[in-house]
Amino acid sequence: MSPYTLTGADGRPYFGSTPGSVGGHRVSKIYGRLDCPSALRAIAAGGYVRHRVFFPDVPTAIAAGYRPCAVCLPEAYRQWKARQ
């Protein structure tokens, strides 16, 4: 069995052989970099981890219905916001 639980384009978890390259928050439906300052602050404060998901890449996160983080992906967020 693989050690990495990833989320697919259908929003369902699956096991993968490589770690995810993008993290997300299941409740807020936001994805971002794994080193996102906002996510790291939330984790340090004791929250967030229970609802954290990982995606293999950005297209999968988008296909699963997640939007970019305004903090760590400001340009992608601006583009997403302009399409809304």
C-alpha atoms as a PDB file:
ATOM      1  CA  MET A   1       0.000   0.000   0.000  1.00  0.00           C
ATOM      2  CA  SER A   2       1.216   3.514  -0.854  1.00  0.00           C
ATOM      3  CA  PRO A   3       2.011   5.951   1.919  1.00  0.00           C
ATOM      4  CA  TYR A   4       0.421   9.028   0.301  1.00  0.00           C
ATOM      5  CA  THR A   5      -3.283   9.843   0.342  1.00  0.00           C
ATOM      6  CA  LEU A   6      -4.174  12.199  -2.482  1.00  0.00           C
ATOM      7  CA  THR A   7      -7.446  13.690  -3.671  1.00  0.00           C
ATOM      8  CA  GLY A   8      -8.528  13.099  -7.243  1.00  0.00           C
ATOM      9  CA  ALA A   9     -10.416  15.301  -9.683  1.00  0.00           C
ATOM     10  CA  ASP A  10     -13.641  13.703  -8.440  1.00  0.00           C
ATOM     11  CA  GLY A  11     -12.860  14.883  -4.886  1.00  0.00           C
ATOM     12  CA  ARG A  12     -12.345  11.340  -3.608  1.00  0.00           C
ATOM     13  CA  PRO A  13      -9.209  10.172  -1.822  1.00  0.00           C
ATOM     14  CA  TYR A  14      -6.878   7.599  -3.326  1.00  0.00           C
ATOM     15  CA  PHE A  15      -3.449   6.220  -2.517  1.00  0.00           C
ATOM     16  CA  GLY A  16      -0.497   7.428  -4.587  1.00  0.00           C
ATOM     17  CA  SER A  17       3.162   6.527  -4.740  1.00  0.00           C
ATOM     18  CA  THR A  18       4.366  10.147  -4.702  1.00  0.00           C
ATOM     19  CA  PRO A  19       3.505  13.018  -2.352  1.00  0.00           C
ATOM     20  CA  GLY A  20       1.092  15.714  -3.461  1.00  0.00           C
ATOM     21  CA  SER A  21       2.503  18.907  -4.893  1.00  0.00           C
ATOM     22  CA  VAL A  22      -0.470  21.078  -3.839  1.00  0.00           C
ATOM     23  CA  GLY A  23      -2.339  21.237  -0.541  1.00  0.00           C
ATOM     24  CA  GLY A  24      -5.937  22.182   0.027  1.00  0.00           C
ATOM     25  CA  HIS A  25      -8.577  22.743   2.681  1.00  0.00           C
ATOM     26  CA  ARG A  26     -11.622  20.526   2.256  1.00  0.00           C
ATOM     27  CA  VAL A  27     -14.082  22.898   3.970  1.00  0.00           C
ATOM     28  CA  SER A  28     -13.086  26.180   2.300  1.00  0.00           C
ATOM     29  CA  LYS A  29     -12.256  24.494  -1.058  1.00  0.00           C
ATOM     30  CA  ILE A  30      -8.980  26.440  -1.399  1.00  0.00           C
ATOM     31  CA  TYR A  31      -5.725  25.000  -2.757  1.00  0.00           C
ATOM     32  CA  GLY A  32      -2.225  26.407  -2.447  1.00  0.00           C
ATOM     33  CA  ARG A  33       1.464  25.745  -2.113  1.00  0.00           C
ATOM     34  CA  LEU A  34       2.594  23.342   0.585  1.00  0.00           C
ATOM     35  CA  ASP A  35       4.620  26.158   2.159  1.00  0.00           C
ATOM     36  CA  CYS A  36       1.733  28.673   2.167  1.00  0.00           C
ATOM     37  CA  PRO A  37       2.223  31.097   5.084  1.00  0.00           C
ATOM     38  CA  SER A  38      -1.510  31.247   5.747  1.00  0.00           C
ATOM     39  CA  ALA A  39      -1.876  27.467   5.928  1.00  0.00           C
ATOM     40  CA  LEU A  40       1.240  27.127   8.083  1.00  0.00           C
ATOM     41  CA  ARG A  41      -0.156  29.715  10.545  1.00  0.00           C
ATOM     42  CA  ALA A  42      -3.449  27.827  10.745  1.00  0.00           C
ATOM     43  CA  ILE A  43      -1.614  24.540  11.330  1.00  0.00           C
ATOM     44  CA  ALA A  44       0.569  26.122  14.047  1.00  0.00           C
ATOM     45  CA  ALA A  45      -2.573  27.441  15.753  1.00  0.00           C
ATOM     46  CA  GLY A  46      -3.900  23.914  15.981  1.00  0.00           C
ATOM     47  CA  GLY A  47      -6.492  24.035  13.241  1.00  0.00           C
ATOM     48  CA  TYR A  48      -6.701  23.135   9.596  1.00  0.00           C
ATOM     49  CA  VAL A  49      -4.943  19.744   9.669  1.00  0.00           C
ATOM     50  CA  ARG A  50      -8.128  17.714  10.061  1.00  0.00           C
ATOM     51  CA  HIS A  51      -9.493  19.155   6.812  1.00  0.00           C
ATOM     52  CA  ARG A  52      -6.256  19.222   4.814  1.00  0.00           C
ATOM     53  CA  VAL A  53      -6.118  17.377   1.510  1.00  0.00           C
ATOM     54  CA  PHE A  54      -3.347  16.924  -1.035  1.00  0.00           C
ATOM     55  CA  PHE A  55      -3.492  16.946  -4.811  1.00  0.00           C
ATOM     56  CA  PRO A  56      -0.962  15.583  -7.272  1.00  0.00           C
ATOM     57  CA  ASP A  57      -1.060  18.866  -9.240  1.00  0.00           C
ATOM     58  CA  VAL A  58      -2.932  22.132  -9.790  1.00  0.00           C
ATOM     59  CA  PRO A  59      -5.189  20.883 -12.634  1.00  0.00           C
ATOM     60  CA  THR A  60      -6.508  18.138 -10.354  1.00  0.00           C
ATOM     61  CA  ALA A  61      -7.255  20.647  -7.579  1.00  0.00           C
ATOM     62  CA  ILE A  62      -9.142  22.849 -10.034  1.00  0.00           C
ATOM     63  CA  ALA A  63     -11.060  19.881 -11.454  1.00  0.00           C
ATOM     64  CA  ALA A  64     -12.077  18.932  -7.897  1.00  0.00           C
ATOM     65  CA  GLY A  65     -13.661  22.384  -7.495  1.00  0.00           C
ATOM     66  CA  TYR A  66     -10.986  24.148  -5.457  1.00  0.00           C
ATOM     67  CA  ARG A  67      -9.904  27.768  -5.993  1.00  0.00           C
ATOM     68  CA  PRO A  68      -6.389  29.207  -5.638  1.00  0.00           C
ATOM     69  CA  CYS A  69      -5.214  30.723  -2.363  1.00  0.00           C
ATOM     70  CA  ALA A  70      -5.013  34.521  -2.416  1.00  0.00           C
ATOM     71  CA  VAL A  71      -1.985  34.483  -0.098  1.00  0.00           C
ATOM     72  CA  CYS A  72       0.444  32.068  -1.753  1.00  0.00           C
ATOM     73  CA  LEU A  73      -0.930  32.147  -5.327  1.00  0.00           C
ATOM     74  CA  PRO A  74      -1.962  35.797  -5.751  1.00  0.00           C
ATOM     75  CA  GLU A  75      -1.781  35.868  -9.570  1.00  0.00           C
ATOM     76  CA  ALA A  76      -3.762  32.633  -9.972  1.00  0.00           C
ATOM     77  CA  TYR A  77      -6.265  33.997  -7.449  1.00  0.00           C
ATOM     78  CA  ARG A  78      -6.645  37.265  -9.387  1.00  0.00           C
ATOM     79  CA  GLN A  79      -7.260  35.326 -12.601  1.00  0.00           C
ATOM     80  CA  TRP A  80      -9.793  33.070 -10.858  1.00  0.00           C
ATOM     81  CA  LYS A  81     -11.551  36.083  -9.316  1.00  0.00           C
ATOM     82  CA  ALA A  82     -11.761  37.853 -12.696  1.00  0.00           C
ATOM     83  CA  ARG A  83     -13.558  34.806 -14.158  1.00  0.00           C
ATOM     84  CA  GLN A  84     -16.185  34.810 -11.385  1.00  0.00           C
END
